[in-house]
Amino acid sequence: MLTEALVLEIFREALVLAIKLAGPLLLISMLVGLVIAILQAATQVHEQTLTFVPKALTIVVLLLLMAPMMISACNEFVLHIFDIINQISSQTVLS
């Protein structure tokens, strides 16, 4: 049976998955932005493309490197949800 506790557990797992997937990308992007901001402050060159392009390239490289882990984590979560659906439907049929 789909209880409030089960719904909250699924929601918590979804949030943890979102943080696990987006966290590294956001942290690395922030670090790259910080390094570039320091370089811009030191050289007094304030061009918008100097911050955007390295961050974009970093994100693309990270996505390529982390894609297998991200797909695996999403796959595990979806399979877990399907297991829960299967358990709920089998309990409903037995009742």
N, C-alpha and C. Protein backbone atom coordinates (compact mmCIF):
# COMPACT_ATOMS: atom_id res chain seq x y z
N MET A 1 0.84 -1.18 0.00
CA MET A 1 0.00 0.00 0.00
C MET A 1 0.89 1.25 0.00
N LEU A 2 0.48 2.22 -0.75
CA LEU A 2 1.22 3.47 -0.87
C LEU A 2 0.91 4.36 0.33
N THR A 3 1.85 4.41 1.24
CA THR A 3 1.64 5.20 2.45
C THR A 3 2.37 6.54 2.33
N GLU A 4 2.05 7.41 3.26
CA GLU A 4 2.71 8.72 3.27
C GLU A 4 4.21 8.57 3.52
N ALA A 5 4.58 7.62 4.37
CA ALA A 5 6.00 7.39 4.66
C ALA A 5 6.74 6.92 3.41
N LEU A 6 6.10 6.07 2.61
CA LEU A 6 6.73 5.57 1.39
C LEU A 6 6.90 6.70 0.37
N VAL A 7 5.88 7.54 0.26
CA VAL A 7 5.97 8.67 -0.67
C VAL A 7 7.10 9.60 -0.25
N LEU A 8 7.20 9.89 1.05
CA LEU A 8 8.27 10.76 1.54
C LEU A 8 9.64 10.13 1.33
N GLU A 9 9.74 8.82 1.48
CA GLU A 9 11.01 8.12 1.25
C GLU A 9 11.42 8.21 -0.23
N ILE A 10 10.45 8.02 -1.13
CA ILE A 10 10.74 8.14 -2.56
C ILE A 10 11.17 9.56 -2.90
N PHE A 11 10.48 10.54 -2.34
CA PHE A 11 10.82 11.94 -2.58
C PHE A 11 12.22 12.25 -2.05
N ARG A 12 12.56 11.72 -0.87
CA ARG A 12 13.89 11.94 -0.31
C ARG A 12 14.96 11.32 -1.19
N GLU A 13 14.71 10.11 -1.67
CA GLU A 13 15.66 9.44 -2.57
C GLU A 13 15.84 10.22 -3.87
N ALA A 14 14.75 10.79 -4.38
CA ALA A 14 14.84 11.59 -5.61
C ALA A 14 15.67 12.85 -5.38
N LEU A 15 15.49 13.49 -4.24
CA LEU A 15 16.29 14.68 -3.93
C LEU A 15 17.77 14.34 -3.76
N VAL A 16 18.05 13.25 -3.09
CA VAL A 16 19.44 12.82 -2.92
C VAL A 16 20.07 12.52 -4.27
N LEU A 17 19.31 11.88 -5.15
CA LEU A 17 19.82 11.58 -6.49
C LEU A 17 20.09 12.87 -7.26
N ALA A 18 19.18 13.83 -7.17
CA ALA A 18 19.39 15.11 -7.87
C ALA A 18 20.63 15.82 -7.36
N ILE A 19 20.83 15.80 -6.06
CA ILE A 19 22.03 16.43 -5.49
C ILE A 19 23.29 15.67 -5.91
N LYS A 20 23.20 14.35 -5.92
CA LYS A 20 24.35 13.54 -6.32
C LYS A 20 24.73 13.77 -7.77
N LEU A 21 23.73 14.00 -8.62
CA LEU A 21 24.01 14.21 -10.04
C LEU A 21 24.45 15.63 -10.34
N ALA A 22 23.81 16.61 -9.71
CA ALA A 22 24.10 18.01 -10.03
C ALA A 22 25.21 18.60 -9.18
N GLY A 23 25.43 18.06 -8.01
CA GLY A 23 26.41 18.62 -7.08
C GLY A 23 27.81 18.76 -7.64
N PRO A 24 28.40 17.69 -8.16
CA PRO A 24 29.76 17.82 -8.68
C PRO A 24 29.87 18.84 -9.82
N LEU A 25 28.86 18.87 -10.70
CA LEU A 25 28.89 19.83 -11.80
C LEU A 25 28.85 21.26 -11.28
N LEU A 26 27.98 21.50 -10.31
CA LEU A 26 27.88 22.85 -9.75
C LEU A 26 29.14 23.26 -9.00
N LEU A 27 29.70 22.34 -8.23
CA LEU A 27 30.91 22.67 -7.46
C LEU A 27 32.10 22.97 -8.38
N ILE A 28 32.30 22.15 -9.37
CA ILE A 28 33.42 22.37 -10.30
C ILE A 28 33.21 23.66 -11.08
N SER A 29 31.96 23.92 -11.50
CA SER A 29 31.67 25.15 -12.22
C SER A 29 31.95 26.38 -11.34
N MET A 30 31.59 26.28 -10.07
CA MET A 30 31.88 27.39 -9.15
C MET A 30 33.37 27.60 -8.97
N LEU A 31 34.12 26.51 -8.86
CA LEU A 31 35.58 26.62 -8.70
C LEU A 31 36.22 27.23 -9.94
N VAL A 32 35.79 26.81 -11.11
CA VAL A 32 36.32 27.38 -12.35
C VAL A 32 35.98 28.87 -12.42
N GLY A 33 34.75 29.21 -12.07
CA GLY A 33 34.35 30.62 -12.05
C GLY A 33 35.16 31.45 -11.08
N LEU A 34 35.47 30.87 -9.92
CA LEU A 34 36.28 31.58 -8.92
C LEU A 34 37.70 31.81 -9.42
N VAL A 35 38.30 30.78 -10.02
CA VAL A 35 39.65 30.93 -10.55
C VAL A 35 39.69 31.99 -11.65
N ILE A 36 38.70 31.96 -12.52
CA ILE A 36 38.66 32.94 -13.61
C ILE A 36 38.43 34.35 -13.06
N ALA A 37 37.58 34.47 -12.04
CA ALA A 37 37.34 35.78 -11.44
C ALA A 37 38.62 36.33 -10.81
N ILE A 38 39.40 35.46 -10.18
CA ILE A 38 40.67 35.90 -9.59
C ILE A 38 41.63 36.34 -10.69
N LEU A 39 41.70 35.57 -11.78
CA LEU A 39 42.56 35.95 -12.90
C LEU A 39 42.10 37.27 -13.53
N GLN A 40 40.80 37.46 -13.66
CA GLN A 40 40.29 38.71 -14.23
C GLN A 40 40.59 39.89 -13.31
N ALA A 41 40.48 39.66 -12.01
CA ALA A 41 40.79 40.75 -11.07
C ALA A 41 42.28 41.09 -11.11
N ALA A 42 43.10 40.06 -11.28
CA ALA A 42 44.55 40.31 -11.31
C ALA A 42 44.98 41.00 -12.59
N THR A 43 44.34 40.64 -13.69
CA THR A 43 44.74 41.23 -14.98
C THR A 43 43.87 42.41 -15.39
N GLN A 44 42.80 42.64 -14.67
CA GLN A 44 41.84 43.71 -14.95
C GLN A 44 41.24 43.60 -16.36
N VAL A 45 41.05 42.36 -16.79
CA VAL A 45 40.37 42.09 -18.06
C VAL A 45 39.00 41.54 -17.69
N HIS A 46 37.95 42.29 -17.97
CA HIS A 46 36.60 41.88 -17.57
C HIS A 46 35.74 41.64 -18.80
N GLU A 47 35.98 40.51 -19.42
CA GLU A 47 35.23 40.11 -20.61
C GLU A 47 34.30 38.97 -20.22
N GLN A 48 33.01 39.07 -20.58
CA GLN A 48 32.03 38.06 -20.19
C GLN A 48 32.33 36.69 -20.78
N THR A 49 32.83 36.65 -21.99
CA THR A 49 33.10 35.35 -22.61
C THR A 49 34.23 34.61 -21.91
N LEU A 50 35.10 35.33 -21.22
CA LEU A 50 36.19 34.66 -20.51
C LEU A 50 35.67 33.84 -19.33
N THR A 51 34.50 34.16 -18.82
CA THR A 51 33.94 33.35 -17.75
C THR A 51 33.03 32.25 -18.29
N PHE A 52 32.32 32.54 -19.37
CA PHE A 52 31.35 31.58 -19.88
C PHE A 52 32.01 30.39 -20.57
N VAL A 53 32.94 30.63 -21.45
CA VAL A 53 33.52 29.55 -22.26
C VAL A 53 34.23 28.50 -21.41
N PRO A 54 35.10 28.87 -20.48
CA PRO A 54 35.74 27.81 -19.67
C PRO A 54 34.74 27.02 -18.83
N LYS A 55 33.72 27.70 -18.29
CA LYS A 55 32.70 26.97 -17.52
C LYS A 55 31.94 26.01 -18.42
N ALA A 56 31.57 26.46 -19.61
CA ALA A 56 30.83 25.60 -20.53
C ALA A 56 31.67 24.39 -20.94
N LEU A 57 32.93 24.62 -21.24
CA LEU A 57 33.81 23.50 -21.61
C LEU A 57 34.00 22.53 -20.45
N THR A 58 34.14 23.07 -19.25
CA THR A 58 34.29 22.23 -18.06
C THR A 58 33.06 21.36 -17.86
N ILE A 59 31.88 21.95 -17.99
CA ILE A 59 30.64 21.20 -17.82
C ILE A 59 30.52 20.10 -18.87
N VAL A 60 30.87 20.41 -20.12
CA VAL A 60 30.79 19.41 -21.19
C VAL A 60 31.74 18.25 -20.90
N VAL A 61 32.96 18.55 -20.48
CA VAL A 61 33.93 17.50 -20.18
C VAL A 61 33.45 16.66 -18.99
N LEU A 62 32.95 17.33 -17.95
CA LEU A 62 32.45 16.58 -16.79
C LEU A 62 31.25 15.71 -17.16
N LEU A 63 30.36 16.23 -17.98
CA LEU A 63 29.22 15.42 -18.39
C LEU A 63 29.67 14.19 -19.18
N LEU A 64 30.67 14.36 -20.03
CA LEU A 64 31.18 13.20 -20.78
C LEU A 64 31.84 12.19 -19.86
N LEU A 65 32.57 12.67 -18.86
CA LEU A 65 33.25 11.76 -17.94
C LEU A 65 32.28 11.10 -16.96
N MET A 66 31.27 11.84 -16.53
CA MET A 66 30.36 11.34 -15.51
C MET A 66 29.10 10.69 -16.07
N ALA A 67 28.93 10.70 -17.37
CA ALA A 67 27.71 10.15 -17.98
C ALA A 67 27.42 8.71 -17.57
N PRO A 68 28.40 7.81 -17.58
CA PRO A 68 28.08 6.42 -17.18
C PRO A 68 27.58 6.34 -15.73
N MET A 69 28.21 7.08 -14.83
CA MET A 69 27.77 7.07 -13.43
C MET A 69 26.37 7.66 -13.29
N MET A 70 26.11 8.74 -14.02
CA MET A 70 24.80 9.39 -13.94
C MET A 70 23.70 8.48 -14.48
N ILE A 71 23.97 7.84 -15.61
CA ILE A 71 22.98 6.94 -16.20
C ILE A 71 22.74 5.74 -15.28
N SER A 72 23.80 5.23 -14.69
CA SER A 72 23.67 4.10 -13.77
C SER A 72 22.83 4.47 -12.55
N ALA A 73 23.09 5.65 -11.98
CA ALA A 73 22.33 6.09 -10.81
C ALA A 73 20.86 6.29 -11.15
N CYS A 74 20.58 6.90 -12.29
CA CYS A 74 19.19 7.10 -12.72
C CYS A 74 18.51 5.75 -12.99
N ASN A 75 19.24 4.84 -13.60
CA ASN A 75 18.71 3.51 -13.89
C ASN A 75 18.35 2.77 -12.60
N GLU A 76 19.23 2.82 -11.61
CA GLU A 76 18.96 2.18 -10.32
C GLU A 76 17.73 2.78 -9.66
N PHE A 77 17.59 4.09 -9.73
CA PHE A 77 16.43 4.75 -9.11
C PHE A 77 15.14 4.33 -9.81
N VAL A 78 15.15 4.30 -11.12
CA VAL A 78 13.94 3.91 -11.86
C VAL A 78 13.58 2.45 -11.57
N LEU A 79 14.58 1.58 -11.53
CA LEU A 79 14.31 0.18 -11.20
C LEU A 79 13.75 0.04 -9.79
N HIS A 80 14.25 0.85 -8.87
CA HIS A 80 13.73 0.85 -7.49
C HIS A 80 12.27 1.29 -7.47
N ILE A 81 11.94 2.32 -8.23
CA ILE A 81 10.56 2.78 -8.32
C ILE A 81 9.67 1.69 -8.92
N PHE A 82 10.15 1.02 -9.96
CA PHE A 82 9.36 -0.06 -10.56
C PHE A 82 9.16 -1.21 -9.58
N ASP A 83 10.17 -1.51 -8.76
CA ASP A 83 10.01 -2.54 -7.73
C ASP A 83 8.92 -2.15 -6.74
N ILE A 84 8.92 -0.89 -6.35
CA ILE A 84 7.90 -0.41 -5.42
C ILE A 84 6.51 -0.52 -6.05
N ILE A 85 6.40 -0.13 -7.31
CA ILE A 85 5.12 -0.23 -8.02
C ILE A 85 4.67 -1.69 -8.09
N ASN A 86 5.61 -2.59 -8.37
CA ASN A 86 5.29 -4.01 -8.43
C ASN A 86 4.81 -4.52 -7.08
N GLN A 87 5.47 -4.13 -6.00
CA GLN A 87 5.06 -4.55 -4.67
C GLN A 87 3.68 -4.03 -4.32
N ILE A 88 3.41 -2.77 -4.66
CA ILE A 88 2.11 -2.18 -4.36
C ILE A 88 1.01 -2.88 -5.16
N SER A 89 1.29 -3.14 -6.44
CA SER A 89 0.26 -3.78 -7.27
C SER A 89 0.01 -5.21 -6.83
N SER A 90 1.06 -5.93 -6.42
CA SER A 90 0.86 -7.30 -5.97
C SER A 90 0.11 -7.34 -4.64
N GLN A 91 0.31 -6.35 -3.76
CA GLN A 91 -0.43 -6.28 -2.51
C GLN A 91 -1.90 -5.97 -2.79
N THR A 92 -2.14 -5.13 -3.79
CA THR A 92 -3.52 -4.76 -4.13
C THR A 92 -4.27 -5.95 -4.70
N VAL A 93 -3.60 -6.77 -5.52
CA VAL A 93 -4.24 -7.95 -6.12
C VAL A 93 -4.55 -8.98 -5.06
N LEU A 94 -3.65 -9.15 -4.08
CA LEU A 94 -3.84 -10.14 -3.04
C LEU A 94 -4.95 -9.73 -2.07
N SER A 95 -5.19 -8.45 -1.93
CA SER A 95 -6.19 -7.99 -0.96
C SER A 95 -7.59 -8.26 -1.40
